[in-house]
N, C-alpha and C. Protein backbone atom coordinates (compact mmCIF):
# COMPACT_ATOMS: atom_id res chain seq x y z
N MET A 1 -42.99 24.10 33.10
CA MET A 1 -43.18 22.73 32.63
C MET A 1 -44.37 22.11 33.35
N ALA A 2 -45.40 21.84 32.66
CA ALA A 2 -46.64 21.37 33.25
C ALA A 2 -46.50 20.07 34.02
N PRO A 3 -45.75 19.05 33.47
CA PRO A 3 -45.65 17.79 34.20
C PRO A 3 -45.04 17.95 35.57
N CYS A 4 -44.05 18.84 35.69
CA CYS A 4 -43.39 19.01 36.99
C CYS A 4 -44.35 19.59 38.00
N SER A 5 -45.11 20.63 37.60
CA SER A 5 -46.01 21.28 38.54
C SER A 5 -47.12 20.33 38.98
N SER A 6 -47.60 19.47 38.08
CA SER A 6 -48.66 18.55 38.45
C SER A 6 -48.14 17.49 39.41
N TRP A 7 -46.92 17.00 39.18
CA TRP A 7 -46.34 16.02 40.10
C TRP A 7 -46.08 16.64 41.47
N SER A 8 -45.66 17.89 41.48
CA SER A 8 -45.32 18.50 42.76
C SER A 8 -46.53 18.71 43.65
N ASN A 9 -47.73 18.66 43.08
CA ASN A 9 -48.95 18.81 43.87
C ASN A 9 -49.41 17.51 44.50
N LEU A 10 -48.79 16.40 44.13
CA LEU A 10 -49.19 15.11 44.68
C LEU A 10 -48.61 14.92 46.08
N PRO A 11 -49.39 14.32 47.00
CA PRO A 11 -48.86 14.05 48.35
C PRO A 11 -47.71 13.06 48.30
N ARG A 12 -46.78 13.21 49.22
CA ARG A 12 -45.63 12.30 49.28
C ARG A 12 -46.09 10.84 49.43
N GLU A 13 -47.15 10.62 50.21
CA GLU A 13 -47.62 9.25 50.42
C GLU A 13 -48.07 8.62 49.11
N LEU A 14 -48.69 9.43 48.25
CA LEU A 14 -49.14 8.91 46.96
C LEU A 14 -47.96 8.61 46.05
N ILE A 15 -46.96 9.47 46.09
CA ILE A 15 -45.75 9.22 45.30
C ILE A 15 -45.13 7.89 45.73
N ASP A 16 -45.03 7.68 47.06
CA ASP A 16 -44.47 6.43 47.56
C ASP A 16 -45.28 5.23 47.09
N ARG A 17 -46.61 5.37 47.07
CA ARG A 17 -47.47 4.26 46.66
C ARG A 17 -47.31 3.97 45.18
N ILE A 18 -47.14 5.03 44.38
CA ILE A 18 -46.93 4.83 42.93
C ILE A 18 -45.69 3.98 42.70
N PHE A 19 -44.64 4.26 43.47
CA PHE A 19 -43.42 3.50 43.31
C PHE A 19 -43.40 2.23 44.17
N ARG A 20 -44.51 2.01 44.92
CA ARG A 20 -44.77 0.77 45.67
C ARG A 20 -43.93 0.60 46.93
N ARG A 21 -43.07 1.51 47.20
CA ARG A 21 -42.32 1.46 48.47
C ARG A 21 -41.70 2.82 48.71
N PRO A 22 -41.34 3.14 49.96
CA PRO A 22 -40.72 4.43 50.24
C PRO A 22 -39.46 4.63 49.39
N ILE A 23 -39.22 5.87 48.99
CA ILE A 23 -38.10 6.18 48.12
C ILE A 23 -36.94 6.71 48.96
N ASP A 24 -35.78 6.07 48.83
CA ASP A 24 -34.61 6.59 49.54
C ASP A 24 -33.73 7.37 48.57
N SER A 25 -32.61 7.87 49.08
CA SER A 25 -31.77 8.74 48.26
C SER A 25 -31.19 8.02 47.05
N LYS A 26 -30.87 6.74 47.20
CA LYS A 26 -30.31 5.99 46.07
C LYS A 26 -31.36 5.80 44.98
N ASP A 27 -32.61 5.56 45.39
CA ASP A 27 -33.69 5.45 44.39
C ASP A 27 -33.82 6.75 43.60
N LEU A 28 -33.80 7.87 44.31
CA LEU A 28 -33.91 9.16 43.64
C LEU A 28 -32.76 9.38 42.69
N ALA A 29 -31.56 9.03 43.13
CA ALA A 29 -30.39 9.21 42.28
C ALA A 29 -30.51 8.41 41.00
N ARG A 30 -30.99 7.18 41.11
CA ARG A 30 -31.16 6.35 39.91
C ARG A 30 -32.21 6.95 38.98
N CYS A 31 -33.30 7.48 39.56
CA CYS A 31 -34.36 8.07 38.74
C CYS A 31 -33.85 9.27 37.96
N THR A 32 -32.96 10.05 38.56
CA THR A 32 -32.47 11.25 37.87
C THR A 32 -31.61 10.89 36.66
N LEU A 33 -31.13 9.65 36.59
CA LEU A 33 -30.29 9.24 35.47
C LEU A 33 -31.10 8.87 34.24
N VAL A 34 -32.41 8.77 34.38
CA VAL A 34 -33.24 8.31 33.25
C VAL A 34 -33.23 9.32 32.12
N CYS A 35 -33.59 10.57 32.41
CA CYS A 35 -33.59 11.62 31.39
C CYS A 35 -33.77 12.96 32.09
N THR A 36 -33.67 14.02 31.32
CA THR A 36 -33.78 15.37 31.87
C THR A 36 -35.15 15.62 32.47
N ASN A 37 -36.21 15.11 31.85
CA ASN A 37 -37.56 15.32 32.38
C ASN A 37 -37.72 14.71 33.77
N TRP A 38 -37.22 13.50 33.95
CA TRP A 38 -37.30 12.88 35.27
C TRP A 38 -36.49 13.68 36.29
N ARG A 39 -35.34 14.15 35.84
CA ARG A 39 -34.50 14.98 36.73
C ARG A 39 -35.28 16.21 37.17
N ASN A 40 -35.94 16.89 36.23
CA ASN A 40 -36.69 18.10 36.55
C ASN A 40 -37.85 17.81 37.49
N ILE A 41 -38.52 16.69 37.26
CA ILE A 41 -39.65 16.31 38.13
C ILE A 41 -39.16 16.11 39.56
N ILE A 42 -38.05 15.39 39.71
CA ILE A 42 -37.53 15.10 41.05
C ILE A 42 -37.05 16.37 41.73
N VAL A 43 -36.41 17.25 40.95
CA VAL A 43 -36.00 18.55 41.51
C VAL A 43 -37.22 19.31 42.00
N ASP A 44 -38.30 19.30 41.22
CA ASP A 44 -39.50 20.06 41.56
C ASP A 44 -40.18 19.51 42.81
N ILE A 45 -40.16 18.18 42.98
CA ILE A 45 -40.84 17.57 44.12
C ILE A 45 -40.01 17.68 45.39
N TRP A 46 -38.74 17.33 45.29
CA TRP A 46 -37.93 17.22 46.50
C TRP A 46 -37.04 18.42 46.76
N GLY A 47 -37.18 19.46 45.98
CA GLY A 47 -36.45 20.68 46.27
C GLY A 47 -35.21 20.82 45.42
N LYS A 48 -34.89 22.07 45.04
CA LYS A 48 -33.79 22.32 44.12
C LYS A 48 -32.42 22.05 44.75
N LYS A 49 -32.35 22.01 46.07
CA LYS A 49 -31.06 21.72 46.69
C LYS A 49 -30.72 20.23 46.59
N LEU A 50 -31.75 19.40 46.42
CA LEU A 50 -31.55 17.96 46.26
C LEU A 50 -30.65 17.39 47.35
N SER A 51 -30.91 17.77 48.59
CA SER A 51 -30.07 17.29 49.69
C SER A 51 -30.14 15.78 49.83
N LEU A 52 -31.27 15.17 49.40
CA LEU A 52 -31.39 13.73 49.49
C LEU A 52 -30.44 13.00 48.54
N LEU A 53 -30.00 13.68 47.51
CA LEU A 53 -29.15 13.02 46.53
C LEU A 53 -27.67 13.06 46.89
N ARG A 54 -27.31 13.91 47.81
CA ARG A 54 -25.89 14.10 48.10
C ARG A 54 -25.20 12.82 48.58
N PRO A 55 -25.86 12.00 49.44
CA PRO A 55 -25.17 10.78 49.84
C PRO A 55 -24.87 9.86 48.67
N ALA A 56 -25.69 9.89 47.62
CA ALA A 56 -25.50 8.97 46.50
C ALA A 56 -24.43 9.45 45.53
N PHE A 57 -24.32 10.78 45.33
CA PHE A 57 -23.34 11.33 44.40
C PHE A 57 -22.59 12.48 45.08
N LYS A 58 -21.54 12.13 45.83
CA LYS A 58 -20.83 13.15 46.57
C LYS A 58 -19.74 13.82 45.74
N ASN A 59 -19.11 13.06 44.88
CA ASN A 59 -17.90 13.57 44.24
C ASN A 59 -17.94 13.31 42.74
N PRO A 60 -18.25 14.33 41.92
CA PRO A 60 -18.30 14.12 40.48
C PRO A 60 -16.96 13.77 39.87
N SER A 61 -15.85 14.11 40.57
CA SER A 61 -14.54 13.84 40.00
C SER A 61 -14.29 12.34 39.84
N ARG A 62 -14.92 11.52 40.68
CA ARG A 62 -14.74 10.07 40.55
C ARG A 62 -15.29 9.58 39.22
N ARG A 63 -16.49 10.07 38.88
CA ARG A 63 -17.08 9.65 37.61
C ARG A 63 -16.26 10.19 36.44
N ILE A 64 -15.83 11.45 36.53
CA ILE A 64 -15.04 12.03 35.44
C ILE A 64 -13.75 11.25 35.24
N LEU A 65 -13.11 10.84 36.34
CA LEU A 65 -11.88 10.06 36.24
C LEU A 65 -12.15 8.72 35.54
N ARG A 66 -13.25 8.05 35.92
CA ARG A 66 -13.58 6.78 35.27
C ARG A 66 -13.81 6.98 33.77
N GLU A 67 -14.51 8.07 33.44
CA GLU A 67 -14.79 8.32 32.03
C GLU A 67 -13.50 8.65 31.27
N TYR A 68 -12.61 9.37 31.91
CA TYR A 68 -11.35 9.71 31.26
C TYR A 68 -10.54 8.44 30.98
N GLU A 69 -10.49 7.56 31.96
CA GLU A 69 -9.75 6.31 31.78
C GLU A 69 -10.34 5.47 30.66
N LYS A 70 -11.67 5.40 30.60
CA LYS A 70 -12.33 4.64 29.53
C LYS A 70 -12.09 5.30 28.17
N PHE A 71 -12.09 6.63 28.15
CA PHE A 71 -11.83 7.36 26.90
C PHE A 71 -10.44 7.03 26.38
N GLN A 72 -9.46 6.93 27.28
CA GLN A 72 -8.10 6.63 26.85
C GLN A 72 -7.99 5.20 26.32
N MET A 73 -8.71 4.28 26.92
CA MET A 73 -8.64 2.88 26.50
C MET A 73 -9.42 2.63 25.21
N ASP A 74 -10.54 3.33 25.05
CA ASP A 74 -11.39 3.11 23.88
C ASP A 74 -11.92 4.44 23.35
N PRO A 75 -11.04 5.24 22.73
CA PRO A 75 -11.47 6.56 22.26
C PRO A 75 -12.42 6.45 21.08
N PRO A 76 -13.36 7.39 20.94
CA PRO A 76 -14.20 7.42 19.75
C PRO A 76 -13.35 7.56 18.49
N LYS A 77 -13.85 7.06 17.39
CA LYS A 77 -13.12 7.07 16.13
C LYS A 77 -12.67 8.49 15.75
N GLY A 78 -11.38 8.61 15.42
CA GLY A 78 -10.86 9.89 14.97
C GLY A 78 -10.73 10.93 16.05
N CYS A 79 -10.76 10.52 17.31
CA CYS A 79 -10.76 11.49 18.43
C CYS A 79 -9.72 11.11 19.48
N LYS A 80 -9.31 12.10 20.24
CA LYS A 80 -8.39 11.91 21.36
C LYS A 80 -8.65 13.01 22.37
N ALA A 81 -8.40 12.74 23.65
CA ALA A 81 -8.58 13.75 24.69
C ALA A 81 -7.42 13.70 25.67
N ARG A 82 -7.10 14.85 26.22
CA ARG A 82 -6.07 14.96 27.24
C ARG A 82 -6.53 15.96 28.30
N LEU A 83 -6.01 15.82 29.52
CA LEU A 83 -6.29 16.79 30.57
C LEU A 83 -5.52 18.07 30.30
N VAL A 84 -6.15 19.20 30.59
CA VAL A 84 -5.49 20.49 30.41
C VAL A 84 -5.01 21.03 31.75
N GLU A 85 -5.94 21.33 32.65
CA GLU A 85 -5.58 21.88 33.95
C GLU A 85 -5.95 20.95 35.10
N SER A 86 -7.04 20.22 34.91
CA SER A 86 -7.54 19.34 35.95
C SER A 86 -8.49 18.34 35.31
N LEU A 87 -9.07 17.47 36.14
CA LEU A 87 -10.07 16.53 35.63
C LEU A 87 -11.27 17.26 35.03
N PHE A 88 -11.50 18.50 35.47
CA PHE A 88 -12.68 19.24 35.03
C PHE A 88 -12.45 20.02 33.74
N HIS A 89 -11.25 19.95 33.20
CA HIS A 89 -10.96 20.65 31.94
C HIS A 89 -10.15 19.73 31.04
N TRP A 90 -10.77 19.32 29.92
CA TRP A 90 -10.09 18.48 28.94
C TRP A 90 -9.88 19.26 27.66
N GLY A 91 -8.86 18.87 26.93
CA GLY A 91 -8.71 19.29 25.54
C GLY A 91 -8.94 18.07 24.68
N ALA A 92 -9.55 18.26 23.52
CA ALA A 92 -9.82 17.14 22.63
C ALA A 92 -9.50 17.52 21.19
N ILE A 93 -9.31 16.50 20.39
CA ILE A 93 -9.02 16.70 18.97
C ILE A 93 -9.84 15.72 18.16
N MET A 94 -10.32 16.17 17.01
CA MET A 94 -11.06 15.32 16.08
C MET A 94 -10.46 15.48 14.69
N ILE A 95 -10.45 14.39 13.96
CA ILE A 95 -10.08 14.43 12.55
C ILE A 95 -11.38 14.29 11.76
N GLY A 96 -11.64 15.24 10.85
CA GLY A 96 -12.88 15.19 10.09
C GLY A 96 -13.05 13.86 9.38
N PRO A 97 -14.25 13.26 9.46
CA PRO A 97 -14.46 11.93 8.87
C PRO A 97 -14.31 11.93 7.35
N GLN A 98 -13.80 10.82 6.85
CA GLN A 98 -13.67 10.65 5.42
C GLN A 98 -15.05 10.71 4.76
N ASN A 99 -15.06 11.09 3.50
CA ASN A 99 -16.32 11.19 2.74
C ASN A 99 -17.27 12.23 3.31
N SER A 100 -16.71 13.21 4.04
CA SER A 100 -17.51 14.34 4.51
C SER A 100 -16.87 15.63 4.01
N LEU A 101 -17.56 16.74 4.18
CA LEU A 101 -17.02 18.04 3.76
C LEU A 101 -15.82 18.44 4.61
N TYR A 102 -15.65 17.79 5.74
CA TYR A 102 -14.62 18.16 6.71
C TYR A 102 -13.48 17.15 6.75
N ALA A 103 -13.42 16.29 5.73
CA ALA A 103 -12.44 15.20 5.69
C ALA A 103 -11.02 15.72 5.84
N GLY A 104 -10.27 15.11 6.75
CA GLY A 104 -8.87 15.48 6.95
C GLY A 104 -8.64 16.73 7.76
N GLY A 105 -9.70 17.44 8.13
CA GLY A 105 -9.54 18.63 8.95
C GLY A 105 -9.19 18.28 10.38
N VAL A 106 -8.46 19.17 11.02
CA VAL A 106 -8.07 18.99 12.43
C VAL A 106 -8.90 19.95 13.26
N PHE A 107 -9.73 19.40 14.14
CA PHE A 107 -10.66 20.22 14.92
C PHE A 107 -10.34 20.07 16.41
N LEU A 108 -10.03 21.19 17.03
CA LEU A 108 -9.70 21.22 18.46
C LEU A 108 -10.91 21.64 19.27
N LEU A 109 -11.08 21.03 20.44
CA LEU A 109 -12.21 21.32 21.30
C LEU A 109 -11.75 21.52 22.74
N ASN A 110 -12.52 22.32 23.48
CA ASN A 110 -12.38 22.45 24.92
C ASN A 110 -13.58 21.81 25.60
N ILE A 111 -13.33 21.04 26.65
CA ILE A 111 -14.40 20.37 27.38
C ILE A 111 -14.28 20.76 28.85
N HIS A 112 -15.34 21.36 29.38
CA HIS A 112 -15.36 21.76 30.79
C HIS A 112 -16.51 21.04 31.50
N PHE A 113 -16.22 20.49 32.67
CA PHE A 113 -17.22 19.83 33.49
C PHE A 113 -17.54 20.71 34.70
N SER A 114 -18.81 20.84 35.03
CA SER A 114 -19.19 21.59 36.23
C SER A 114 -19.21 20.66 37.44
N LYS A 115 -19.32 21.25 38.61
CA LYS A 115 -19.40 20.46 39.84
C LYS A 115 -20.70 19.67 39.91
N LYS A 116 -21.66 20.01 39.06
CA LYS A 116 -22.95 19.31 39.04
C LYS A 116 -22.99 18.17 38.02
N TYR A 117 -21.88 17.94 37.35
CA TYR A 117 -21.83 16.83 36.40
C TYR A 117 -22.07 15.51 37.12
N PRO A 118 -22.85 14.58 36.60
CA PRO A 118 -23.41 14.51 35.24
C PRO A 118 -24.82 15.07 35.10
N PHE A 119 -25.32 15.74 36.15
CA PHE A 119 -26.68 16.27 36.07
C PHE A 119 -26.76 17.50 35.17
N GLU A 120 -25.62 18.11 34.92
CA GLU A 120 -25.51 19.15 33.91
C GLU A 120 -24.56 18.66 32.82
N PRO A 121 -24.87 18.93 31.56
CA PRO A 121 -23.99 18.44 30.49
C PRO A 121 -22.65 19.14 30.52
N PRO A 122 -21.61 18.50 30.00
CA PRO A 122 -20.33 19.20 29.88
C PRO A 122 -20.46 20.36 28.91
N GLU A 123 -19.66 21.38 29.11
CA GLU A 123 -19.63 22.51 28.17
C GLU A 123 -18.53 22.23 27.15
N ILE A 124 -18.94 22.00 25.92
CA ILE A 124 -17.99 21.65 24.86
C ILE A 124 -18.01 22.74 23.80
N THR A 125 -16.85 23.28 23.49
CA THR A 125 -16.76 24.32 22.46
C THR A 125 -15.65 23.97 21.48
N PHE A 126 -15.86 24.31 20.22
CA PHE A 126 -14.83 24.14 19.21
C PHE A 126 -13.86 25.32 19.28
N GLN A 127 -12.59 25.02 19.38
CA GLN A 127 -11.56 26.04 19.32
C GLN A 127 -11.29 26.40 17.85
N THR A 128 -11.51 25.42 16.98
CA THR A 128 -11.33 25.61 15.54
C THR A 128 -12.61 26.16 14.92
N LYS A 129 -12.50 27.12 14.01
CA LYS A 129 -13.67 27.64 13.32
C LYS A 129 -14.23 26.57 12.38
N VAL A 130 -15.57 26.38 12.46
CA VAL A 130 -16.23 25.36 11.66
C VAL A 130 -17.46 25.97 11.00
N TYR A 131 -17.60 25.75 9.72
CA TYR A 131 -18.79 26.21 9.00
C TYR A 131 -19.82 25.10 9.06
N HIS A 132 -20.77 25.22 9.99
CA HIS A 132 -21.71 24.12 10.26
C HIS A 132 -22.95 24.69 10.94
N PRO A 133 -24.15 24.23 10.57
CA PRO A 133 -25.38 24.79 11.15
C PRO A 133 -25.55 24.50 12.64
N ASN A 134 -24.88 23.47 13.16
CA ASN A 134 -25.06 23.09 14.57
C ASN A 134 -23.94 23.58 15.47
N ILE A 135 -23.04 24.41 14.91
CA ILE A 135 -21.93 24.96 15.69
C ILE A 135 -21.98 26.48 15.60
N GLY A 136 -22.03 27.15 16.74
CA GLY A 136 -22.12 28.61 16.76
C GLY A 136 -20.84 29.26 16.27
N GLN A 137 -20.93 30.54 15.95
CA GLN A 137 -19.76 31.27 15.46
C GLN A 137 -18.66 31.34 16.52
N ASP A 138 -19.05 31.22 17.79
CA ASP A 138 -18.06 31.21 18.87
C ASP A 138 -17.62 29.79 19.22
N GLY A 139 -18.05 28.81 18.42
CA GLY A 139 -17.65 27.43 18.65
C GLY A 139 -18.54 26.67 19.61
N CYS A 140 -19.60 27.32 20.09
CA CYS A 140 -20.44 26.67 21.09
C CYS A 140 -21.33 25.59 20.47
N LEU A 141 -21.76 24.69 21.33
CA LEU A 141 -22.67 23.62 20.95
C LEU A 141 -23.83 23.61 21.93
N CYS A 142 -25.00 23.21 21.48
CA CYS A 142 -26.16 23.09 22.37
C CYS A 142 -26.38 21.61 22.64
N LEU A 143 -26.07 21.17 23.87
CA LEU A 143 -26.11 19.74 24.19
C LEU A 143 -27.29 19.34 25.06
N GLU A 144 -28.08 20.33 25.51
CA GLU A 144 -29.12 20.03 26.49
C GLU A 144 -30.10 18.97 25.98
N ARG A 145 -30.47 19.04 24.71
CA ARG A 145 -31.46 18.09 24.19
C ARG A 145 -30.86 16.70 23.98
N SER A 146 -29.57 16.63 23.75
CA SER A 146 -28.93 15.34 23.52
C SER A 146 -28.49 14.67 24.82
N TRP A 147 -28.33 15.46 25.87
CA TRP A 147 -27.69 14.96 27.08
C TRP A 147 -28.68 14.44 28.10
N CYS A 148 -28.32 13.34 28.75
CA CYS A 148 -28.96 12.93 30.00
C CYS A 148 -27.85 12.37 30.87
N ALA A 149 -28.09 12.29 32.16
CA ALA A 149 -27.03 11.95 33.10
C ALA A 149 -26.50 10.53 32.93
N ALA A 150 -27.26 9.68 32.23
CA ALA A 150 -26.79 8.32 31.99
C ALA A 150 -25.76 8.25 30.86
N MET A 151 -25.63 9.34 30.09
CA MET A 151 -24.65 9.36 29.00
C MET A 151 -23.25 9.56 29.53
N SER A 152 -22.28 9.28 28.69
CA SER A 152 -20.89 9.54 29.02
C SER A 152 -20.33 10.55 28.04
N ILE A 153 -19.15 11.08 28.35
CA ILE A 153 -18.53 12.04 27.46
C ILE A 153 -18.20 11.38 26.12
N SER A 154 -17.85 10.09 26.13
CA SER A 154 -17.59 9.38 24.88
C SER A 154 -18.84 9.36 24.00
N ASN A 155 -20.01 9.14 24.62
CA ASN A 155 -21.26 9.14 23.87
C ASN A 155 -21.49 10.47 23.18
N ILE A 156 -21.33 11.56 23.92
CA ILE A 156 -21.64 12.87 23.36
C ILE A 156 -20.60 13.27 22.31
N ILE A 157 -19.35 12.85 22.47
CA ILE A 157 -18.34 13.11 21.45
C ILE A 157 -18.72 12.39 20.15
N ARG A 158 -19.24 11.18 20.27
CA ARG A 158 -19.68 10.45 19.07
C ARG A 158 -20.85 11.16 18.39
N VAL A 159 -21.74 11.74 19.20
CA VAL A 159 -22.86 12.50 18.64
C VAL A 159 -22.34 13.70 17.85
N ILE A 160 -21.38 14.41 18.44
CA ILE A 160 -20.80 15.59 17.77
C ILE A 160 -20.08 15.17 16.49
N TYR A 161 -19.31 14.10 16.56
CA TYR A 161 -18.56 13.62 15.40
C TYR A 161 -19.52 13.26 14.25
N ALA A 162 -20.66 12.67 14.59
CA ALA A 162 -21.64 12.28 13.57
C ALA A 162 -22.22 13.49 12.85
N LEU A 163 -22.26 14.65 13.53
CA LEU A 163 -22.81 15.85 12.91
C LEU A 163 -21.97 16.32 11.72
N PHE A 164 -20.69 15.95 11.67
CA PHE A 164 -19.88 16.31 10.51
C PHE A 164 -20.46 15.70 9.24
N SER A 165 -20.94 14.48 9.35
CA SER A 165 -21.48 13.79 8.18
C SER A 165 -22.97 14.03 7.99
N ASN A 166 -23.67 14.32 9.10
CA ASN A 166 -25.12 14.48 9.03
C ASN A 166 -25.57 15.69 9.84
N PRO A 167 -25.43 16.90 9.29
CA PRO A 167 -25.88 18.11 10.01
C PRO A 167 -27.38 18.06 10.28
N ASP A 168 -27.76 18.57 11.44
CA ASP A 168 -29.18 18.66 11.80
C ASP A 168 -29.65 20.08 11.51
N HIS A 169 -30.03 20.32 10.26
CA HIS A 169 -30.41 21.68 9.86
C HIS A 169 -31.77 22.10 10.39
N GLU A 170 -32.54 21.15 10.93
CA GLU A 170 -33.86 21.49 11.48
C GLU A 170 -33.77 22.00 12.91
N ASP A 171 -32.64 21.83 13.55
CA ASP A 171 -32.45 22.32 14.93
C ASP A 171 -31.08 23.00 15.01
N PRO A 172 -30.90 24.11 14.28
CA PRO A 172 -29.58 24.72 14.15
C PRO A 172 -29.25 25.69 15.28
N LEU A 173 -27.97 25.96 15.42
CA LEU A 173 -27.50 27.07 16.25
C LEU A 173 -27.26 28.29 15.38
N ASP A 174 -26.77 28.07 14.17
CA ASP A 174 -26.54 29.16 13.22
C ASP A 174 -27.61 29.09 12.14
N PHE A 175 -28.62 29.96 12.25
CA PHE A 175 -29.76 29.88 11.35
C PHE A 175 -29.39 30.30 9.93
N GLU A 176 -28.43 31.20 9.80
CA GLU A 176 -28.03 31.63 8.46
C GLU A 176 -27.39 30.48 7.69
N ILE A 177 -26.48 29.75 8.36
CA ILE A 177 -25.85 28.61 7.70
C ILE A 177 -26.88 27.53 7.41
N ALA A 178 -27.82 27.33 8.33
CA ALA A 178 -28.86 26.32 8.10
C ALA A 178 -29.71 26.68 6.89
N HIS A 179 -29.99 27.97 6.72
CA HIS A 179 -30.78 28.42 5.56
C HIS A 179 -30.02 28.16 4.26
N ILE A 180 -28.72 28.46 4.28
CA ILE A 180 -27.90 28.20 3.09
C ILE A 180 -27.84 26.70 2.81
N TYR A 181 -27.75 25.89 3.87
CA TYR A 181 -27.72 24.43 3.72
C TYR A 181 -28.99 23.94 3.01
N ARG A 182 -30.12 24.52 3.38
CA ARG A 182 -31.40 24.07 2.80
C ARG A 182 -31.62 24.60 1.39
N THR A 183 -31.18 25.81 1.12
CA THR A 183 -31.57 26.47 -0.14
C THR A 183 -30.45 26.60 -1.16
N GLN A 184 -29.18 26.54 -0.69
CA GLN A 184 -28.04 26.68 -1.61
C GLN A 184 -26.98 25.65 -1.24
N ARG A 185 -27.29 24.40 -1.44
CA ARG A 185 -26.43 23.33 -0.95
C ARG A 185 -25.01 23.39 -1.52
N ILE A 186 -24.89 23.72 -2.80
CA ILE A 186 -23.55 23.79 -3.41
C ILE A 186 -22.72 24.87 -2.73
N ARG A 187 -23.33 26.03 -2.48
CA ARG A 187 -22.62 27.12 -1.79
C ARG A 187 -22.20 26.68 -0.39
N TYR A 188 -23.09 26.00 0.31
CA TYR A 188 -22.78 25.50 1.65
C TYR A 188 -21.58 24.56 1.61
N GLU A 189 -21.58 23.62 0.68
CA GLU A 189 -20.51 22.64 0.60
C GLU A 189 -19.18 23.31 0.26
N GLN A 190 -19.22 24.27 -0.65
CA GLN A 190 -17.98 24.97 -1.01
C GLN A 190 -17.39 25.72 0.18
N LYS A 191 -18.27 26.37 0.94
CA LYS A 191 -17.76 27.17 2.07
C LYS A 191 -17.29 26.26 3.21
N ALA A 192 -17.97 25.16 3.44
CA ALA A 192 -17.54 24.23 4.49
C ALA A 192 -16.16 23.67 4.17
N ARG A 193 -15.94 23.31 2.90
CA ARG A 193 -14.62 22.81 2.50
C ARG A 193 -13.55 23.90 2.61
N ALA A 194 -13.92 25.13 2.22
CA ALA A 194 -12.96 26.23 2.26
C ALA A 194 -12.55 26.54 3.70
N TRP A 195 -13.50 26.56 4.62
CA TRP A 195 -13.18 26.82 6.03
C TRP A 195 -12.32 25.70 6.60
N THR A 196 -12.62 24.47 6.22
CA THR A 196 -11.83 23.34 6.71
C THR A 196 -10.39 23.47 6.25
N LYS A 197 -10.19 23.81 5.00
CA LYS A 197 -8.83 23.97 4.46
C LYS A 197 -8.11 25.14 5.11
N LYS A 198 -8.84 26.22 5.39
CA LYS A 198 -8.22 27.42 5.93
C LYS A 198 -7.94 27.34 7.43
N TYR A 199 -8.91 26.82 8.19
CA TYR A 199 -8.80 26.88 9.66
C TYR A 199 -8.44 25.55 10.32
N ALA A 200 -8.91 24.43 9.77
CA ALA A 200 -8.74 23.14 10.44
C ALA A 200 -7.43 22.49 10.02
N THR A 201 -6.31 23.15 10.35
CA THR A 201 -4.99 22.68 9.94
C THR A 201 -4.23 22.13 11.14
N ALA A 202 -3.14 21.44 10.83
CA ALA A 202 -2.29 20.88 11.89
C ALA A 202 -1.45 21.95 12.57
N ARG A 203 -1.51 23.19 12.09
CA ARG A 203 -0.66 24.25 12.61
C ARG A 203 -1.35 25.09 13.69
N GLN A 204 -2.52 24.71 14.13
CA GLN A 204 -3.25 25.50 15.13
C GLN A 204 -2.53 25.51 16.47
N ASN A 205 -2.70 26.60 17.19
CA ASN A 205 -2.15 26.69 18.54
C ASN A 205 -2.98 25.86 19.50
N SER A 206 -2.31 25.15 20.39
CA SER A 206 -3.01 24.32 21.36
C SER A 206 -2.16 24.20 22.62
N ALA A 207 -2.84 24.08 23.76
CA ALA A 207 -2.13 23.88 25.03
C ALA A 207 -1.60 22.46 25.14
N ILE A 208 -2.01 21.59 24.21
CA ILE A 208 -1.62 20.18 24.24
C ILE A 208 -0.83 19.86 22.98
N ASP A 209 0.20 19.05 23.12
CA ASP A 209 0.98 18.60 21.97
C ASP A 209 0.29 17.40 21.33
N TRP A 210 -0.31 17.62 20.17
CA TRP A 210 -1.04 16.56 19.48
C TRP A 210 -0.19 15.94 18.36
N SER A 211 1.10 16.22 18.31
CA SER A 211 1.91 15.82 17.16
C SER A 211 1.90 14.31 16.93
N GLN A 212 1.96 13.51 17.98
CA GLN A 212 1.96 12.06 17.80
C GLN A 212 0.63 11.57 17.25
N PHE A 213 -0.46 12.13 17.77
CA PHE A 213 -1.79 11.77 17.27
C PHE A 213 -1.91 12.12 15.78
N LEU A 214 -1.44 13.29 15.40
CA LEU A 214 -1.52 13.72 14.00
C LEU A 214 -0.65 12.83 13.11
N THR A 215 0.52 12.46 13.62
CA THR A 215 1.38 11.56 12.85
C THR A 215 0.72 10.21 12.65
N ASP A 216 0.09 9.70 13.71
CA ASP A 216 -0.60 8.41 13.62
C ASP A 216 -1.71 8.44 12.58
N HIS A 217 -2.34 9.62 12.42
CA HIS A 217 -3.44 9.76 11.45
C HIS A 217 -2.96 10.33 10.12
N LYS A 218 -1.61 10.40 9.97
CA LYS A 218 -1.00 10.85 8.71
C LYS A 218 -1.47 12.24 8.31
N ILE A 219 -1.58 13.12 9.32
CA ILE A 219 -1.92 14.52 9.06
C ILE A 219 -0.63 15.32 9.12
N LEU A 220 -0.27 15.95 8.03
CA LEU A 220 0.98 16.70 7.96
C LEU A 220 0.71 18.20 7.92
N GLU A 221 1.68 18.97 8.42
CA GLU A 221 1.57 20.43 8.33
C GLU A 221 1.71 20.85 6.87
N PRO A 222 0.93 21.86 6.46
CA PRO A 222 1.04 22.32 5.08
C PRO A 222 2.40 22.89 4.78
N GLN A 223 2.87 22.65 3.59
CA GLN A 223 4.18 23.18 3.18
C GLN A 223 4.07 24.67 2.88
N GLU A 224 5.13 25.41 3.16
CA GLU A 224 5.17 26.84 2.85
C GLU A 224 5.19 27.04 1.34
């Protein structure tokens, strides 16, 4: 990354002058929250261990706990989350938005936080199979471009939920599905609906009991 290497060649005194005063650990921590590029620049200048940042962000579990509490009080539309094993592992559920190809589908997700959160995005994977250009065949999602440390898990869940209605076929994870989306839209729509009906049901196995959530959203198990 050219910007990082050019910044790293600047003397520390000049960096301090650019920011008009000496930079302490809290200043650095705030700068890293701006975006990934700023984070990379600061890592490049002050070292990958980022020892200066440790006093400012010692315990990621505090932030995760705050986010979990906020998620419970104000969950994104059609979504719910619960702890699975610890604060660092959540299970989540989404109901496909109305007027989309995934309407009424039940989509289960796993959310894992690393010890470097929020400087690294959470790892979010779909447990439910989804026919979608932005979701890999193994359920993986690419969040690096959408994520910055100032975001919350609620923000990124809303971004994912919006993809049901507005797929980003220009930046896909599954290029074959993206090609079908661009060139054979009717085929894409038929297959997305078929997968939703087949896989995104209320009968999926889960480590969490979502029955009350499904009842609240009037999602019933299919009849035999």
